[in-house]
Amino acid sequence: MALPAKAAAGKEKLTVRISRYFRSVIAELKKVHWSTRQELVTYTTVVLAAVFLVALVVWLVDSLFSFILGFIM
């Protein structure tokens, strides 16, 4: 059983739209700046150092407040 002309045309339009979508995705992915291994290692080191410093500051402030609260009580 053949599809009506309108249904067949709608299906073609869908396949064309899907094809255009994937071509656009590939084109955009070609524009992406992919980090090199050295950049990735550098950025990871910076993030880990920042997390460590923030954790250290939070620990120091928490210890200070605990000491003060213990002194008051």
PDB file of N, CA and C in Angstrom:
ATOM      1  N   MET A   1       0.850  -1.172   0.000  1.00  0.00           N
ATOM      2  CA  MET A   1       0.000   0.000   0.000  1.00  0.00           C
ATOM      3  C   MET A   1       0.895   1.235   0.000  1.00  0.00           C
ATOM      4  N   ALA A   2       0.710   2.122  -0.911  1.00  0.00           N
ATOM      5  CA  ALA A   2       1.522   3.321  -1.054  1.00  0.00           C
ATOM      6  C   ALA A   2       1.017   4.406  -0.109  1.00  0.00           C
ATOM      7  N   LEU A   3       1.947   5.226   0.343  1.00  0.00           N
ATOM      8  CA  LEU A   3       1.577   6.342   1.208  1.00  0.00           C
ATOM      9  C   LEU A   3       0.943   7.448   0.391  1.00  0.00           C
ATOM     10  N   PRO A   4       0.012   8.174   0.959  1.00  0.00           N
ATOM     11  CA  PRO A   4      -0.521   9.337   0.247  1.00  0.00           C
ATOM     12  C   PRO A   4       0.593  10.334  -0.035  1.00  0.00           C
ATOM     13  N   ALA A   5       0.408  11.148  -1.036  1.00  0.00           N
ATOM     14  CA  ALA A   5       1.444  12.092  -1.477  1.00  0.00           C
ATOM     15  C   ALA A   5       1.846  13.033  -0.348  1.00  0.00           C
ATOM     16  N   LYS A   6       0.870  13.484   0.431  1.00  0.00           N
ATOM     17  CA  LYS A   6       1.171  14.428   1.512  1.00  0.00           C
ATOM     18  C   LYS A   6       2.032  13.758   2.588  1.00  0.00           C
ATOM     19  N   ALA A   7       1.749  12.514   2.943  1.00  0.00           N
ATOM     20  CA  ALA A   7       2.510  11.798   3.961  1.00  0.00           C
ATOM     21  C   ALA A   7       3.934  11.535   3.472  1.00  0.00           C
ATOM     22  N   ALA A   8       4.083  11.173   2.205  1.00  0.00           N
ATOM     23  CA  ALA A   8       5.414  10.925   1.649  1.00  0.00           C
ATOM     24  C   ALA A   8       6.234  12.211   1.646  1.00  0.00           C
ATOM     25  N   ALA A   9       5.613  13.327   1.299  1.00  0.00           N
ATOM     26  CA  ALA A   9       6.320  14.607   1.276  1.00  0.00           C
ATOM     27  C   ALA A   9       6.742  15.003   2.690  1.00  0.00           C
ATOM     28  N   GLY A  10       5.865  14.754   3.661  1.00  0.00           N
ATOM     29  CA  GLY A  10       6.202  15.071   5.049  1.00  0.00           C
ATOM     30  C   GLY A  10       7.362  14.240   5.546  1.00  0.00           C
ATOM     31  N   LYS A  11       7.421  12.999   5.131  1.00  0.00           N
ATOM     32  CA  LYS A  11       8.510  12.121   5.540  1.00  0.00           C
ATOM     33  C   LYS A  11       9.827  12.579   4.917  1.00  0.00           C
ATOM     34  N   GLU A  12       9.788  12.992   3.681  1.00  0.00           N
ATOM     35  CA  GLU A  12      11.005  13.506   3.040  1.00  0.00           C
ATOM     36  C   GLU A  12      11.507  14.750   3.771  1.00  0.00           C
ATOM     37  N   LYS A  13      10.607  15.604   4.122  1.00  0.00           N
ATOM     38  CA  LYS A  13      11.009  16.819   4.819  1.00  0.00           C
ATOM     39  C   LYS A  13      11.655  16.489   6.151  1.00  0.00           C
ATOM     40  N   LEU A  14      11.129  15.471   6.823  1.00  0.00           N
ATOM     41  CA  LEU A  14      11.709  15.070   8.101  1.00  0.00           C
ATOM     42  C   LEU A  14      13.132  14.554   7.906  1.00  0.00           C
ATOM     43  N   THR A  15      13.338  13.724   6.914  1.00  0.00           N
ATOM     44  CA  THR A  15      14.691  13.197   6.678  1.00  0.00           C
ATOM     45  C   THR A  15      15.653  14.301   6.270  1.00  0.00           C
ATOM     46  N   VAL A  16      15.167  15.252   5.519  1.00  0.00           N
ATOM     47  CA  VAL A  16      16.020  16.386   5.126  1.00  0.00           C
ATOM     48  C   VAL A  16      16.380  17.212   6.356  1.00  0.00           C
ATOM     49  N   ARG A  17      15.400  17.421   7.228  1.00  0.00           N
ATOM     50  CA  ARG A  17      15.667  18.195   8.444  1.00  0.00           C
ATOM     51  C   ARG A  17      16.642  17.467   9.355  1.00  0.00           C
ATOM     52  N   ILE A  18      16.486  16.162   9.496  1.00  0.00           N
ATOM     53  CA  ILE A  18      17.405  15.389  10.339  1.00  0.00           C
ATOM     54  C   ILE A  18      18.813  15.441   9.756  1.00  0.00           C
ATOM     55  N   SER A  19      18.909  15.286   8.446  1.00  0.00           N
ATOM     56  CA  SER A  19      20.210  15.338   7.781  1.00  0.00           C
ATOM     57  C   SER A  19      20.868  16.706   7.980  1.00  0.00           C
ATOM     58  N   ARG A  20      20.094  17.772   7.814  1.00  0.00           N
ATOM     59  CA  ARG A  20      20.614  19.129   8.000  1.00  0.00           C
ATOM     60  C   ARG A  20      21.061  19.340   9.447  1.00  0.00           C
ATOM     61  N   TYR A  21      20.288  18.781  10.395  1.00  0.00           N
ATOM     62  CA  TYR A  21      20.642  18.902  11.814  1.00  0.00           C
ATOM     63  C   TYR A  21      22.003  18.271  12.082  1.00  0.00           C
ATOM     64  N   PHE A  22      22.208  17.044  11.607  1.00  0.00           N
ATOM     65  CA  PHE A  22      23.477  16.369  11.871  1.00  0.00           C
ATOM     66  C   PHE A  22      24.646  17.045  11.163  1.00  0.00           C
ATOM     67  N   ARG A  23      24.405  17.595   9.974  1.00  0.00           N
ATOM     68  CA  ARG A  23      25.473  18.350   9.312  1.00  0.00           C
ATOM     69  C   ARG A  23      25.829  19.602  10.107  1.00  0.00           C
ATOM     70  N   SER A  24      24.828  20.248  10.690  1.00  0.00           N
ATOM     71  CA  SER A  24      25.079  21.432  11.524  1.00  0.00           C
ATOM     72  C   SER A  24      25.854  21.060  12.786  1.00  0.00           C
ATOM     73  N   VAL A  25      25.496  19.923  13.390  1.00  0.00           N
ATOM     74  CA  VAL A  25      26.202  19.470  14.588  1.00  0.00           C
ATOM     75  C   VAL A  25      27.667  19.218  14.265  1.00  0.00           C
ATOM     76  N   ILE A  26      27.939  18.537  13.177  1.00  0.00           N
ATOM     77  CA  ILE A  26      29.324  18.249  12.785  1.00  0.00           C
ATOM     78  C   ILE A  26      30.080  19.543  12.512  1.00  0.00           C
ATOM     79  N   ALA A  27      29.432  20.502  11.841  1.00  0.00           N
ATOM     80  CA  ALA A  27      30.080  21.785  11.560  1.00  0.00           C
ATOM     81  C   ALA A  27      30.421  22.524  12.849  1.00  0.00           C
ATOM     82  N   GLU A  28      29.519  22.499  13.829  1.00  0.00           N
ATOM     83  CA  GLU A  28      29.784  23.169  15.102  1.00  0.00           C
ATOM     84  C   GLU A  28      30.890  22.467  15.882  1.00  0.00           C
ATOM     85  N   LEU A  29      30.922  21.145  15.843  1.00  0.00           N
ATOM     86  CA  LEU A  29      31.966  20.412  16.549  1.00  0.00           C
ATOM     87  C   LEU A  29      33.352  20.694  15.966  1.00  0.00           C
ATOM     88  N   LYS A  30      33.408  21.024  14.686  1.00  0.00           N
ATOM     89  CA  LYS A  30      34.697  21.383  14.077  1.00  0.00           C
ATOM     90  C   LYS A  30      35.193  22.734  14.581  1.00  0.00           C
ATOM     91  N   LYS A  31      34.291  23.576  15.078  1.00  0.00           N
ATOM     92  CA  LYS A  31      34.665  24.897  15.595  1.00  0.00           C
ATOM     93  C   LYS A  31      35.121  24.853  17.049  1.00  0.00           C
ATOM     94  N   VAL A  32      34.874  23.753  17.729  1.00  0.00           N
ATOM     95  CA  VAL A  32      35.182  23.641  19.156  1.00  0.00           C
ATOM     96  C   VAL A  32      36.690  23.608  19.356  1.00  0.00           C
ATOM     97  N   HIS A  33      37.163  24.343  20.373  1.00  0.00           N
ATOM     98  CA  HIS A  33      38.586  24.299  20.730  1.00  0.00           C
ATOM     99  C   HIS A  33      38.778  23.124  21.672  1.00  0.00           C
ATOM    100  N   TRP A  34      39.434  22.081  21.193  1.00  0.00           N
ATOM    101  CA  TRP A  34      39.700  20.910  22.005  1.00  0.00           C
ATOM    102  C   TRP A  34      41.024  21.108  22.708  1.00  0.00           C
ATOM    103  N   SER A  35      41.032  20.966  24.015  1.00  0.00           N
ATOM    104  CA  SER A  35      42.241  21.189  24.802  1.00  0.00           C
ATOM    105  C   SER A  35      43.290  20.132  24.503  1.00  0.00           C
ATOM    106  N   THR A  36      44.553  20.564  24.554  1.00  0.00           N
ATOM    107  CA  THR A  36      45.646  19.614  24.406  1.00  0.00           C
ATOM    108  C   THR A  36      45.842  18.896  25.738  1.00  0.00           C
ATOM    109  N   ARG A  37      46.642  17.863  25.715  1.00  0.00           N
ATOM    110  CA  ARG A  37      46.900  17.113  26.945  1.00  0.00           C
ATOM    111  C   ARG A  37      47.573  18.013  27.978  1.00  0.00           C
ATOM    112  N   GLN A  38      48.519  18.842  27.541  1.00  0.00           N
ATOM    113  CA  GLN A  38      49.226  19.734  28.464  1.00  0.00           C
ATOM    114  C   GLN A  38      48.274  20.753  29.082  1.00  0.00           C
ATOM    115  N   GLU A  39      47.375  21.316  28.284  1.00  0.00           N
ATOM    116  CA  GLU A  39      46.382  22.257  28.819  1.00  0.00           C
ATOM    117  C   GLU A  39      45.485  21.567  29.840  1.00  0.00           C
ATOM    118  N   LEU A  40      45.070  20.358  29.528  1.00  0.00           N
ATOM    119  CA  LEU A  40      44.202  19.613  30.430  1.00  0.00           C
ATOM    120  C   LEU A  40      44.889  19.352  31.765  1.00  0.00           C
ATOM    121  N   VAL A  41      46.162  18.974  31.730  1.00  0.00           N
ATOM    122  CA  VAL A  41      46.915  18.727  32.963  1.00  0.00           C
ATOM    123  C   VAL A  41      47.063  20.032  33.750  1.00  0.00           C
ATOM    124  N   THR A  42      47.370  21.122  33.064  1.00  0.00           N
ATOM    125  CA  THR A  42      47.532  22.417  33.726  1.00  0.00           C
ATOM    126  C   THR A  42      46.234  22.863  34.392  1.00  0.00           C
ATOM    127  N   TYR A  43      45.130  22.807  33.655  1.00  0.00           N
ATOM    128  CA  TYR A  43      43.843  23.240  34.206  1.00  0.00           C
ATOM    129  C   TYR A  43      43.412  22.359  35.375  1.00  0.00           C
ATOM    130  N   THR A  44      43.650  21.061  35.271  1.00  0.00           N
ATOM    131  CA  THR A  44      43.296  20.155  36.356  1.00  0.00           C
ATOM    132  C   THR A  44      44.103  20.468  37.604  1.00  0.00           C
ATOM    133  N   THR A  45      45.392  20.754  37.423  1.00  0.00           N
ATOM    134  CA  THR A  45      46.248  21.100  38.555  1.00  0.00           C
ATOM    135  C   THR A  45      45.768  22.382  39.225  1.00  0.00           C
ATOM    136  N   VAL A  46      45.409  23.366  38.435  1.00  0.00           N
ATOM    137  CA  VAL A  46      44.921  24.636  38.985  1.00  0.00           C
ATOM    138  C   VAL A  46      43.630  24.413  39.770  1.00  0.00           C
ATOM    139  N   VAL A  47      42.725  23.627  39.236  1.00  0.00           N
ATOM    140  CA  VAL A  47      41.454  23.362  39.925  1.00  0.00           C
ATOM    141  C   VAL A  47      41.698  22.620  41.232  1.00  0.00           C
ATOM    142  N   LEU A  48      42.549  21.603  41.210  1.00  0.00           N
ATOM    143  CA  LEU A  48      42.822  20.851  42.430  1.00  0.00           C
ATOM    144  C   LEU A  48      43.502  21.721  43.487  1.00  0.00           C
ATOM    145  N   ALA A  49      44.417  22.584  43.070  1.00  0.00           N
ATOM    146  CA  ALA A  49      45.071  23.488  44.013  1.00  0.00           C
ATOM    147  C   ALA A  49      44.055  24.455  44.621  1.00  0.00           C
ATOM    148  N   ALA A  50      43.160  24.993  43.802  1.00  0.00           N
ATOM    149  CA  ALA A  50      42.138  25.921  44.301  1.00  0.00           C
ATOM    150  C   ALA A  50      41.200  25.214  45.284  1.00  0.00           C
ATOM    151  N   VAL A  51      40.809  23.990  44.978  1.00  0.00           N
ATOM    152  CA  VAL A  51      39.936  23.235  45.877  1.00  0.00           C
ATOM    153  C   VAL A  51      40.652  22.979  47.200  1.00  0.00           C
ATOM    154  N   PHE A  52      41.923  22.628  47.136  1.00  0.00           N
ATOM    155  CA  PHE A  52      42.703  22.392  48.346  1.00  0.00           C
ATOM    156  C   PHE A  52      42.793  23.655  49.202  1.00  0.00           C
ATOM    157  N   LEU A  53      43.064  24.804  48.568  1.00  0.00           N
ATOM    158  CA  LEU A  53      43.175  26.061  49.317  1.00  0.00           C
ATOM    159  C   LEU A  53      41.846  26.448  49.964  1.00  0.00           C
ATOM    160  N   VAL A  54      40.754  26.290  49.240  1.00  0.00           N
ATOM    161  CA  VAL A  54      39.447  26.620  49.802  1.00  0.00           C
ATOM    162  C   VAL A  54      39.124  25.690  50.962  1.00  0.00           C
ATOM    163  N   ALA A  55      39.430  24.402  50.809  1.00  0.00           N
ATOM    164  CA  ALA A  55      39.187  23.446  51.900  1.00  0.00           C
ATOM    165  C   ALA A  55      40.029  23.805  53.123  1.00  0.00           C
ATOM    166  N   LEU A  56      41.258  24.230  52.897  1.00  0.00           N
ATOM    167  CA  LEU A  56      42.136  24.633  54.002  1.00  0.00           C
ATOM    168  C   LEU A  56      41.575  25.851  54.733  1.00  0.00           C
ATOM    169  N   VAL A  57      41.101  26.833  53.988  1.00  0.00           N
ATOM    170  CA  VAL A  57      40.524  28.031  54.605  1.00  0.00           C
ATOM    171  C   VAL A  57      39.274  27.669  55.395  1.00  0.00           C
ATOM    172  N   VAL A  58      38.409  26.841  54.823  1.00  0.00           N
ATOM    173  CA  VAL A  58      37.191  26.430  55.533  1.00  0.00           C
ATOM    174  C   VAL A  58      37.564  25.678  56.813  1.00  0.00           C
ATOM    175  N   TRP A  59      38.543  24.790  56.738  1.00  0.00           N
ATOM    176  CA  TRP A  59      38.980  24.037  57.923  1.00  0.00           C
ATOM    177  C   TRP A  59      39.536  24.976  58.997  1.00  0.00           C
ATOM    178  N   LEU A  60      40.346  25.965  58.581  1.00  0.00           N
ATOM    179  CA  LEU A  60      40.912  26.906  59.550  1.00  0.00           C
ATOM    180  C   LEU A  60      39.816  27.734  60.229  1.00  0.00           C
ATOM    181  N   VAL A  61      38.875  28.229  59.451  1.00  0.00           N
ATOM    182  CA  VAL A  61      37.785  29.025  60.020  1.00  0.00           C
ATOM    183  C   VAL A  61      36.937  28.166  60.946  1.00  0.00           C
ATOM    184  N   ASP A  62      36.649  26.939  60.550  1.00  0.00           N
ATOM    185  CA  ASP A  62      35.874  26.033  61.388  1.00  0.00           C
ATOM    186  C   ASP A  62      36.616  25.746  62.698  1.00  0.00           C
ATOM    187  N   SER A  63      37.911  25.507  62.602  1.00  0.00           N
ATOM    188  CA  SER A  63      38.700  25.245  63.816  1.00  0.00           C
ATOM    189  C   SER A  63      38.715  26.466  64.733  1.00  0.00           C
ATOM    190  N   LEU A  64      38.837  27.645  64.155  1.00  0.00           N
ATOM    191  CA  LEU A  64      38.845  28.875  64.942  1.00  0.00           C
ATOM    192  C   LEU A  64      37.511  29.057  65.663  1.00  0.00           C
ATOM    193  N   PHE A  65      36.416  28.881  64.941  1.00  0.00           N
ATOM    194  CA  PHE A  65      35.103  29.020  65.566  1.00  0.00           C
ATOM    195  C   PHE A  65      34.882  27.945  66.633  1.00  0.00           C
ATOM    196  N   SER A  66      35.352  26.735  66.398  1.00  0.00           N
ATOM    197  CA  SER A  66      35.221  25.669  67.399  1.00  0.00           C
ATOM    198  C   SER A  66      36.003  26.018  68.651  1.00  0.00           C
ATOM    199  N   PHE A  67      37.207  26.550  68.482  1.00  0.00           N
ATOM    200  CA  PHE A  67      38.018  26.957  69.623  1.00  0.00           C
ATOM    201  C   PHE A  67      37.341  28.068  70.413  1.00  0.00           C
ATOM    202  N   ILE A  68      36.841  29.079  69.700  1.00  0.00           N
ATOM    203  CA  ILE A  68      36.172  30.199  70.357  1.00  0.00           C
ATOM    204  C   ILE A  68      34.919  29.716  71.094  1.00  0.00           C
ATOM    205  N   LEU A  69      34.130  28.869  70.443  1.00  0.00           N
ATOM    206  CA  LEU A  69      32.921  28.361  71.063  1.00  0.00           C
ATOM    207  C   LEU A  69      33.248  27.500  72.275  1.00  0.00           C
ATOM    208  N   GLY A  70      34.294  26.692  72.191  1.00  0.00           N
ATOM    209  CA  GLY A  70      34.723  25.886  73.322  1.00  0.00           C
ATOM    210  C   GLY A  70      35.216  26.757  74.474  1.00  0.00           C
ATOM    211  N   PHE A  71      35.877  27.855  74.151  1.00  0.00           N
ATOM    212  CA  PHE A  71      36.370  28.768  75.160  1.00  0.00           C
ATOM    213  C   PHE A  71      35.215  29.465  75.891  1.00  0.00           C
ATOM    214  N   ILE A  72      34.184  29.847  75.136  1.00  0.00           N
ATOM    215  CA  ILE A  72      33.022  30.523  75.701  1.00  0.00           C
ATOM    216  C   ILE A  72      32.238  29.586  76.606  1.00  0.00           C
ATOM    217  N   MET A  73      32.093  28.350  76.214  1.00  0.00           N
ATOM    218  CA  MET A  73      31.287  27.404  76.996  1.00  0.00           C
ATOM    219  C   MET A  73      32.148  26.867  78.096  1.00  0.00           C
TER     220      MET A  73
END
